[in-house]
Amino acid sequence: MTVLRCQNNCIERGYMYAGLESGAKCFCGEKIFTLNTGDIECNKDCTGEKNQCGGVNRLTVYKMELRRHHSAIFKGCFHRPDNITLAFPLSADIQNMTVAKCVDMCTEKEKSLAVLAGDLCHCGFPTRLFFLHELQIEDMCLPHCPGGGFESCGNDEYFVVYQTQVQDNRCMDRRFLPTGAKQLVALASFPGSGNTWSRLLIEQASGFYTGSMHFDKAIYDQGFKGEGNSKSGKTICIKTHSFDRPHIERFGSSILLIRNPYKSLMAEFNRMRGGHNGFASQDDWRGMRWPVFVKNSAPKWNSQILSWLNYGENVKVVHYEDLKKNLRCQLREIVQFLGLKDSEERLLCVEGQKEGTFKRSNQGNLAYNPYTPQMQANINELIRRVDAALKEKEQPGVPEEYMPK
């Protein structure tokens, strides 16, 4: 038994939670009905790795960000749209309906959404008529599928939605700017703040390539054709992690991407030790590499933000957490900041397939807090400084979840 093995078992069966008990038992479920007891009672290592796997009558519980049914991603339970015919160009009655039957039909028809409504299967794309925003509680989408199993297939009023593997091509075309921009725009961030993911979102929402101060072949090979392009002015913005004053003053305006330092430090440590999609090993976290990294890098998180606020011209602050919570609204503001007209169809397309190649999954998350009390005290002070600096520049302060309790 390993944490990842249990998570994958539950994901494949469509469940939201994975729970591990006594080192070797794996449970899957939809809801949590009991209170948190604290990590100290989950004191059993997994039989297949040195990681928390619960305890005696205690579960170590993981919530999966993406629930899958084979190749499809579960999106949730949604209310019936006003005009079904316009919302879904393809529909069919399916005898003994199952999730697999509807997903297979919509995949074959090259549609990115498979929508189940009892015996009816609808296929389509996210649109203004059905844009996957008003998520309902899953109990509204009962009963279970007529074809058997535990899966819900929805009903006349509430639909179960899965995202197929079919790519929504409405936001896939990207190109360089036809003429060089008069002023360069920075996409500035501390490493581990989601810069590459944000670049993908901006490219898809705007239709133009982003650039970078450095060349990373792995990123270039994944379609970021502006990688390494920082001087031509033909990219819509330029990724940078630098924060010295002369560098900042090269840019006429900038998007400053900020992420919770507790999260960004761990993300960057994972990247350094495990690559773009991998994770640091347990030896890395429990040895000296992690505390040395935090000691050297945490002050840079603070300095990077303060330098761009102090020396940057026309700075738009974007919090990574806000981008995740309200992606379409945040992206619309970014596109308008870049001087472009936003396209609702492109924004809906981006929102429907926002998981990028280099957006690390949650399946390698640690089962314990790697930050010591002293680390937390130091980082909390840095958060307070950044919060004060943002407010001094008449910007909203850091999200509430950053602040120490």
Protein backbone atom coordinates (compact mmCIF):
# COMPACT_ATOMS: atom_id res chain seq x y z
CA MET A 1 0.00 0.00 0.00
CA THR A 2 1.10 3.53 -0.85
CA VAL A 3 -0.77 6.83 -0.70
CA LEU A 4 -0.69 7.17 -4.48
CA ARG A 5 -1.98 3.62 -5.02
CA CYS A 6 -4.98 4.29 -2.77
CA GLN A 7 -5.66 7.67 -4.41
CA ASN A 8 -5.53 6.18 -7.90
CA ASN A 9 -7.94 3.41 -6.89
CA CYS A 10 -10.46 5.95 -5.64
CA ILE A 11 -9.99 8.29 -8.62
CA GLU A 12 -10.61 5.48 -11.09
CA ARG A 13 -13.87 4.66 -9.29
CA GLY A 14 -15.07 8.26 -9.36
CA TYR A 15 -14.75 9.07 -5.65
CA MET A 16 -13.71 12.39 -4.15
CA TYR A 17 -11.92 11.15 -1.01
CA ALA A 18 -9.32 8.48 -0.30
CA GLY A 19 -8.71 7.27 3.26
CA LEU A 20 -5.89 5.02 4.51
CA GLU A 21 -6.04 3.02 7.75
CA SER A 22 -3.50 0.96 9.71
CA GLY A 23 -0.85 1.10 7.01
CA ALA A 24 -2.55 -1.14 4.44
CA LYS A 25 -6.30 -0.48 4.17
CA CYS A 26 -7.73 1.86 1.52
CA PHE A 27 -11.25 3.35 1.62
CA CYS A 28 -13.03 5.60 -0.92
CA GLY A 29 -15.97 7.91 -0.26
CA GLU A 30 -17.99 10.97 -1.19
CA LYS A 31 -18.31 12.77 2.18
CA ILE A 32 -16.59 13.04 5.56
CA PHE A 33 -18.93 12.59 8.52
CA THR A 34 -16.51 12.80 11.44
CA LEU A 35 -14.20 15.38 12.99
CA ASN A 36 -10.47 15.80 12.48
CA THR A 37 -8.50 14.15 15.28
CA GLY A 38 -5.06 15.53 14.42
CA ASP A 39 -2.07 13.97 12.69
CA ILE A 40 -0.60 12.47 15.87
CA GLU A 41 -3.17 9.63 15.91
CA CYS A 42 -2.36 8.68 12.29
CA ASN A 43 0.92 7.08 13.27
CA LYS A 44 1.19 4.08 10.92
CA ASP A 45 3.52 4.13 7.93
CA CYS A 46 2.20 2.68 4.68
CA THR A 47 3.37 -0.88 4.09
CA GLY A 48 4.73 0.18 0.69
CA GLU A 49 6.44 3.48 1.62
CA LYS A 50 7.43 5.64 4.56
CA ASN A 51 4.38 7.90 4.56
CA GLN A 52 1.32 8.32 6.78
CA CYS A 53 -1.32 5.63 6.25
CA GLY A 54 -3.64 6.24 9.20
CA GLY A 55 -3.67 4.41 12.50
CA VAL A 56 -5.85 2.13 14.59
CA ASN A 57 -9.43 3.17 13.78
CA ARG A 58 -8.01 6.34 12.25
CA LEU A 59 -7.92 7.43 8.61
CA THR A 60 -5.45 9.65 6.82
CA VAL A 61 -7.80 11.32 4.32
CA TYR A 62 -6.96 12.89 0.97
CA LYS A 63 -9.30 14.96 -1.19
CA MET A 64 -8.63 14.49 -4.89
CA GLU A 65 -8.65 17.60 -7.06
CA LEU A 66 -9.71 15.64 -10.14
CA ARG A 67 -12.10 12.70 -10.09
CA ARG A 68 -11.94 10.48 -13.13
CA HIS A 69 -14.01 7.83 -14.78
CA HIS A 70 -11.44 6.07 -16.94
CA SER A 71 -10.35 8.87 -19.33
CA ALA A 72 -13.07 11.41 -18.37
CA ILE A 73 -12.89 14.01 -15.59
CA PHE A 74 -15.91 14.48 -13.33
CA LYS A 75 -17.00 18.15 -13.36
CA GLY A 76 -19.99 17.98 -11.05
CA CYS A 77 -23.77 18.26 -10.80
CA PHE A 78 -25.42 21.18 -12.62
CA HIS A 79 -28.93 22.52 -13.11
CA ARG A 80 -30.66 21.95 -16.45
CA PRO A 81 -30.03 24.88 -18.88
CA ASP A 82 -32.98 26.92 -20.16
CA ASN A 83 -32.53 25.93 -23.80
CA ILE A 84 -31.25 22.36 -24.05
CA THR A 85 -31.38 22.23 -27.85
CA LEU A 86 -29.06 25.22 -28.22
CA ALA A 87 -26.86 24.25 -25.27
CA PHE A 88 -26.23 20.72 -26.53
CA PRO A 89 -26.08 20.16 -30.30
CA LEU A 90 -26.05 16.36 -29.89
CA SER A 91 -28.35 14.23 -27.72
CA ALA A 92 -29.46 10.60 -27.65
CA ASP A 93 -31.50 8.15 -25.58
CA ILE A 94 -29.27 5.35 -24.31
CA GLN A 95 -30.73 2.12 -23.02
CA ASN A 96 -29.29 1.04 -19.64
CA MET A 97 -27.32 4.29 -19.39
CA THR A 98 -23.90 4.32 -17.76
CA VAL A 99 -21.26 7.02 -17.50
CA ALA A 100 -19.01 5.04 -19.84
CA LYS A 101 -21.69 4.85 -22.56
CA CYS A 102 -22.30 8.61 -22.55
CA VAL A 103 -18.60 9.47 -22.37
CA ASP A 104 -17.84 7.11 -25.25
CA MET A 105 -20.61 8.61 -27.40
CA CYS A 106 -19.51 12.22 -26.82
CA THR A 107 -15.85 11.33 -27.36
CA GLU A 108 -16.74 9.69 -30.67
CA LYS A 109 -18.71 12.82 -31.63
CA GLU A 110 -15.64 14.95 -30.75
CA LYS A 111 -17.32 16.96 -27.98
CA SER A 112 -15.55 17.93 -24.76
CA LEU A 113 -18.57 17.57 -22.44
CA ALA A 114 -20.58 14.42 -21.73
CA VAL A 115 -23.79 15.38 -19.92
CA LEU A 116 -25.99 12.70 -18.33
CA ALA A 117 -29.69 13.25 -17.62
CA GLY A 118 -31.20 9.88 -16.69
CA ASP A 119 -31.50 7.91 -19.94
CA LEU A 120 -30.48 10.95 -22.01
CA CYS A 121 -26.89 11.69 -23.01
CA HIS A 122 -26.06 15.22 -24.23
CA CYS A 123 -22.78 16.26 -25.86
CA GLY A 124 -21.35 19.75 -26.31
CA PHE A 125 -18.90 22.44 -25.20
CA PRO A 126 -19.08 25.02 -22.37
CA THR A 127 -21.06 28.03 -23.66
CA ARG A 128 -22.96 31.02 -22.28
CA LEU A 129 -25.97 28.73 -22.04
CA PHE A 130 -24.09 26.10 -20.03
CA PHE A 131 -20.85 27.36 -18.53
CA LEU A 132 -20.31 25.06 -15.50
CA HIS A 133 -20.33 27.78 -12.84
CA GLU A 134 -23.34 27.07 -10.64
CA LEU A 135 -22.27 23.78 -9.10
CA GLN A 136 -25.03 21.93 -7.21
CA ILE A 137 -24.72 19.41 -4.38
CA GLU A 138 -24.30 15.93 -5.82
CA ASP A 139 -27.36 14.58 -4.03
CA MET A 140 -29.47 16.56 -6.53
CA CYS A 141 -28.11 14.37 -9.34
CA LEU A 142 -29.42 11.07 -8.06
CA PRO A 143 -30.54 8.36 -8.86
CA HIS A 144 -27.81 5.97 -9.88
CA CYS A 145 -27.38 5.04 -13.53
CA PRO A 146 -30.00 2.68 -15.02
CA GLY A 147 -27.15 0.49 -16.29
CA GLY A 148 -26.05 -0.34 -12.75
CA GLY A 149 -23.14 0.57 -10.51
CA PHE A 150 -22.72 3.31 -7.92
CA GLU A 151 -22.43 6.18 -10.44
CA SER A 152 -25.06 8.90 -10.63
CA CYS A 153 -26.60 9.64 -14.04
CA GLY A 154 -28.66 12.72 -13.20
CA ASN A 155 -32.34 13.36 -13.91
CA ASP A 156 -34.65 15.75 -15.78
CA GLU A 157 -33.60 18.81 -13.76
CA TYR A 158 -30.03 18.12 -12.62
CA PHE A 159 -27.30 16.88 -14.95
CA VAL A 160 -24.08 14.99 -14.24
CA VAL A 161 -21.18 16.37 -16.31
CA TYR A 162 -17.90 14.76 -17.34
CA GLN A 163 -15.11 16.29 -19.42
CA THR A 164 -13.95 13.95 -22.16
CA GLN A 165 -10.45 13.74 -23.62
CA VAL A 166 -11.58 15.71 -26.67
CA GLN A 167 -9.81 19.06 -26.86
CA ASP A 168 -11.90 22.21 -27.15
CA ASN A 169 -10.19 23.93 -30.08
CA ARG A 170 -11.82 27.33 -29.65
CA CYS A 171 -8.83 28.59 -27.67
CA MET A 172 -6.00 26.48 -29.11
CA ASP A 173 -4.79 28.78 -31.91
CA ARG A 174 -1.85 30.95 -30.84
CA ARG A 175 0.46 33.21 -32.79
CA PHE A 176 3.09 35.92 -32.37
CA LEU A 177 2.08 39.58 -32.40
CA PRO A 178 2.19 40.87 -36.02
CA THR A 179 4.36 43.85 -35.05
CA GLY A 180 6.67 44.41 -32.12
CA ALA A 181 5.10 46.04 -29.08
CA LYS A 182 6.37 49.49 -28.16
CA GLN A 183 6.59 48.54 -24.49
CA LEU A 184 7.41 45.14 -23.00
CA VAL A 185 5.03 43.61 -20.46
CA ALA A 186 6.43 41.40 -17.70
CA LEU A 187 4.76 38.39 -16.13
CA ALA A 188 6.75 38.51 -12.92
CA SER A 189 6.66 36.03 -10.06
CA PHE A 190 8.65 34.17 -7.49
CA PRO A 191 9.44 30.62 -8.72
CA GLY A 192 6.73 28.13 -7.81
CA SER A 193 3.93 30.69 -8.10
CA GLY A 194 2.27 29.13 -11.13
CA ASN A 195 3.94 31.27 -13.80
CA THR A 196 4.01 28.56 -16.49
CA TRP A 197 0.38 27.60 -15.83
CA SER A 198 -0.58 31.29 -15.98
CA ARG A 199 1.26 31.64 -19.29
CA LEU A 200 -0.82 28.84 -20.76
CA LEU A 201 -4.04 30.49 -19.57
CA ILE A 202 -2.99 33.88 -20.96
CA GLU A 203 -1.97 32.39 -24.32
CA GLN A 204 -5.25 30.54 -24.69
CA ALA A 205 -7.35 33.52 -23.56
CA SER A 206 -5.53 36.06 -25.77
CA GLY A 207 -4.50 33.96 -28.78
CA PHE A 208 -0.89 35.20 -28.56
CA TYR A 209 2.33 33.55 -27.38
CA THR A 210 4.01 34.62 -24.16
CA GLY A 211 7.78 35.01 -23.92
CA SER A 212 10.38 34.16 -21.30
CA MET A 213 13.70 35.55 -20.16
CA HIS A 214 15.12 32.02 -20.31
CA PHE A 215 14.82 29.04 -22.64
CA ASP A 216 13.49 25.78 -21.21
CA LYS A 217 13.37 23.07 -23.87
CA ALA A 218 10.80 21.00 -21.95
CA ILE A 219 8.41 23.96 -21.93
CA TYR A 220 9.14 24.83 -25.58
CA ASP A 221 8.41 21.25 -26.64
CA GLN A 222 5.00 21.48 -24.95
CA GLY A 223 3.93 24.29 -27.28
CA PHE A 224 5.27 27.44 -25.63
CA LYS A 225 6.84 28.73 -28.84
CA GLY A 226 7.69 32.10 -27.30
CA GLU A 227 10.03 30.41 -24.80
CA GLY A 228 13.33 32.34 -24.72
CA ASN A 229 11.80 35.23 -26.71
CA SER A 230 12.32 38.36 -24.62
CA LYS A 231 13.47 41.14 -26.96
CA SER A 232 11.43 41.03 -30.17
CA GLY A 233 8.29 42.53 -28.64
CA LYS A 234 6.18 39.97 -30.47
CA THR A 235 4.99 38.12 -27.37
CA ILE A 236 2.07 39.37 -25.31
CA CYS A 237 4.06 39.27 -22.04
CA ILE A 238 7.39 37.91 -20.81
CA LYS A 239 7.97 35.51 -17.91
CA THR A 240 10.62 36.62 -15.43
CA HIS A 241 11.69 35.72 -11.91
CA SER A 242 14.34 38.49 -11.69
CA PHE A 243 13.75 41.50 -9.45
CA ASP A 244 16.76 43.83 -9.62
CA ARG A 245 15.80 47.44 -10.37
CA PRO A 246 17.47 47.80 -13.82
CA HIS A 247 15.71 44.64 -15.00
CA ILE A 248 12.32 45.82 -13.72
CA GLU A 249 12.69 49.21 -15.38
CA ARG A 250 13.04 47.55 -18.81
CA PHE A 251 9.30 46.88 -18.77
CA GLY A 252 6.59 49.42 -19.50
CA SER A 253 4.04 47.49 -17.43
CA SER A 254 3.86 44.24 -15.52
CA ILE A 255 1.58 41.53 -14.20
CA LEU A 256 2.82 40.58 -10.73
CA LEU A 257 1.73 37.04 -9.90
CA ILE A 258 1.73 36.33 -6.15
CA ARG A 259 1.14 33.00 -4.44
CA ASN A 260 0.99 31.97 -0.81
CA PRO A 261 4.68 31.52 0.15
CA TYR A 262 3.96 28.28 2.00
CA LYS A 263 2.65 26.82 -1.28
CA SER A 264 5.14 28.44 -3.67
CA LEU A 265 8.19 27.36 -1.64
CA MET A 266 7.01 23.74 -1.63
CA ALA A 267 6.19 23.88 -5.36
CA GLU A 268 9.64 25.22 -6.23
CA PHE A 269 11.34 22.65 -3.99
CA ASN A 270 9.39 19.89 -5.76
CA ARG A 271 10.43 21.29 -9.15
CA MET A 272 14.10 21.53 -8.17
CA ARG A 273 14.19 17.99 -6.79
CA GLY A 274 11.62 16.27 -9.04
CA GLY A 275 11.31 18.25 -12.27
CA HIS A 276 8.29 20.09 -13.70
CA ASN A 277 5.80 17.34 -12.87
CA GLY A 278 7.59 15.37 -10.17
CA PHE A 279 8.06 15.57 -6.43
CA ALA A 280 10.92 15.77 -3.97
CA SER A 281 11.68 12.53 -2.15
CA GLN A 282 11.06 11.89 1.54
CA ASP A 283 14.81 12.09 2.08
CA ASP A 284 14.80 15.58 0.54
CA TRP A 285 12.02 16.80 2.85
CA ARG A 286 13.36 15.22 6.03
CA GLY A 287 17.04 15.97 5.42
CA MET A 288 18.94 19.27 5.40
CA ARG A 289 18.06 20.30 1.84
CA TRP A 290 14.58 21.54 2.78
CA PRO A 291 15.49 23.80 5.78
CA VAL A 292 18.45 25.28 3.87
CA PHE A 293 16.18 25.95 0.89
CA VAL A 294 13.56 27.69 3.05
CA LYS A 295 16.17 29.81 4.83
CA ASN A 296 17.63 31.02 1.51
CA SER A 297 14.45 31.30 -0.57
CA ALA A 298 11.74 32.66 1.74
CA PRO A 299 13.33 36.16 1.92
CA LYS A 300 13.49 36.18 -1.90
CA TRP A 301 9.69 35.71 -2.05
CA ASN A 302 9.38 38.93 -0.05
CA SER A 303 12.07 40.85 -1.97
CA GLN A 304 10.70 39.85 -5.38
CA ILE A 305 7.24 41.25 -4.62
CA LEU A 306 8.44 44.43 -2.91
CA SER A 307 10.88 45.23 -5.71
CA TRP A 308 8.22 44.99 -8.44
CA LEU A 309 5.81 47.07 -6.36
CA ASN A 310 8.43 49.74 -5.74
CA TYR A 311 10.15 49.96 -9.14
CA GLY A 312 7.60 48.63 -11.62
CA GLU A 313 5.45 50.85 -13.82
CA ASN A 314 1.74 50.13 -14.18
CA VAL A 315 1.72 46.96 -12.06
CA LYS A 316 -1.32 44.69 -12.04
CA VAL A 317 -1.30 42.35 -9.04
CA VAL A 318 -2.81 38.90 -9.61
CA HIS A 319 -3.06 36.40 -6.77
CA TYR A 320 -2.69 32.79 -7.87
CA GLU A 321 -5.44 31.79 -5.45
CA ASP A 322 -7.89 34.28 -7.01
CA LEU A 323 -7.00 32.94 -10.44
CA LYS A 324 -7.94 29.44 -9.33
CA LYS A 325 -11.17 30.51 -7.64
CA ASN A 326 -12.50 32.87 -10.31
CA LEU A 327 -10.54 32.05 -13.43
CA ARG A 328 -12.78 33.55 -16.11
CA CYS A 329 -13.15 36.92 -14.35
CA GLN A 330 -9.44 37.15 -13.54
CA LEU A 331 -8.42 36.19 -17.08
CA ARG A 332 -10.80 38.76 -18.56
CA GLU A 333 -9.11 41.47 -16.47
CA ILE A 334 -5.65 40.28 -17.54
CA VAL A 335 -6.57 40.25 -21.24
CA GLN A 336 -7.99 43.78 -20.95
CA PHE A 337 -4.88 44.92 -19.05
CA LEU A 338 -2.82 43.64 -22.00
CA GLY A 339 -4.80 45.97 -24.28
CA LEU A 340 -6.84 43.25 -26.00
CA LYS A 341 -10.56 42.69 -26.44
CA ASP A 342 -11.68 39.65 -24.47
CA SER A 343 -13.52 36.81 -26.19
CA GLU A 344 -16.21 35.02 -24.16
CA GLU A 345 -15.85 31.86 -26.25
CA ARG A 346 -12.10 31.71 -25.65
CA LEU A 347 -12.54 32.34 -21.93
CA LEU A 348 -15.10 29.56 -21.62
CA CYS A 349 -12.80 27.26 -23.57
CA VAL A 350 -9.88 28.02 -21.25
CA GLU A 351 -12.03 27.51 -18.19
CA GLY A 352 -13.18 24.12 -19.44
CA GLN A 353 -9.65 22.73 -19.80
CA LYS A 354 -7.56 24.77 -17.40
CA GLU A 355 -5.36 21.90 -16.22
CA GLY A 356 -2.04 22.45 -17.97
CA THR A 357 0.78 20.03 -18.67
CA PHE A 358 3.02 21.63 -16.04
CA LYS A 359 0.35 22.10 -13.36
CA ARG A 360 1.51 19.59 -10.77
CA SER A 361 -1.16 17.20 -9.43
CA ASN A 362 -2.04 16.95 -5.74
CA GLN A 363 -1.28 13.26 -5.59
CA GLY A 364 2.25 13.74 -4.26
CA ASN A 365 1.25 16.06 -1.43
CA LEU A 366 2.92 15.45 1.91
CA ALA A 367 0.88 13.92 4.69
CA TYR A 368 2.51 16.27 7.25
CA ASN A 369 3.50 19.92 7.60
CA PRO A 370 7.19 20.30 6.62
CA TYR A 371 7.48 23.79 8.17
CA THR A 372 8.96 24.06 11.67
CA PRO A 373 7.55 26.66 14.12
CA GLN A 374 10.61 28.88 13.49
CA MET A 375 10.14 28.66 9.72
CA GLN A 376 6.49 29.61 10.14
CA ALA A 377 7.31 32.58 12.37
CA ASN A 378 9.78 33.91 9.78
CA ILE A 379 7.42 33.39 6.82
CA ASN A 380 4.48 34.94 8.69
CA GLU A 381 6.52 38.11 9.20
CA LEU A 382 7.30 38.21 5.47
CA ILE A 383 3.59 37.86 4.69
CA ARG A 384 2.80 40.84 6.96
CA ARG A 385 5.39 42.97 5.14
CA VAL A 386 3.97 42.11 1.73
CA ASP A 387 0.43 42.75 2.93
CA ALA A 388 1.44 46.18 4.22
CA ALA A 389 3.29 47.02 1.00
CA LEU A 390 0.30 46.09 -1.15
CA LYS A 391 -2.02 48.28 0.90
CA GLU A 392 0.45 51.14 0.79
CA LYS A 393 0.28 50.94 -3.03
CA GLU A 394 -3.55 51.01 -2.75
CA GLN A 395 -3.75 47.38 -3.82
CA PRO A 396 -5.86 44.75 -2.04
CA GLY A 397 -3.85 42.99 0.65
CA VAL A 398 -2.90 39.33 0.51
CA PRO A 399 -5.76 36.78 0.56
CA GLU A 400 -6.97 35.95 4.07
CA GLU A 401 -5.63 32.40 3.82
CA TYR A 402 -2.05 33.76 3.73
CA MET A 403 -2.33 35.46 7.08
CA PRO A 404 -1.18 33.67 10.22
CA LYS A 405 -4.02 32.67 12.55
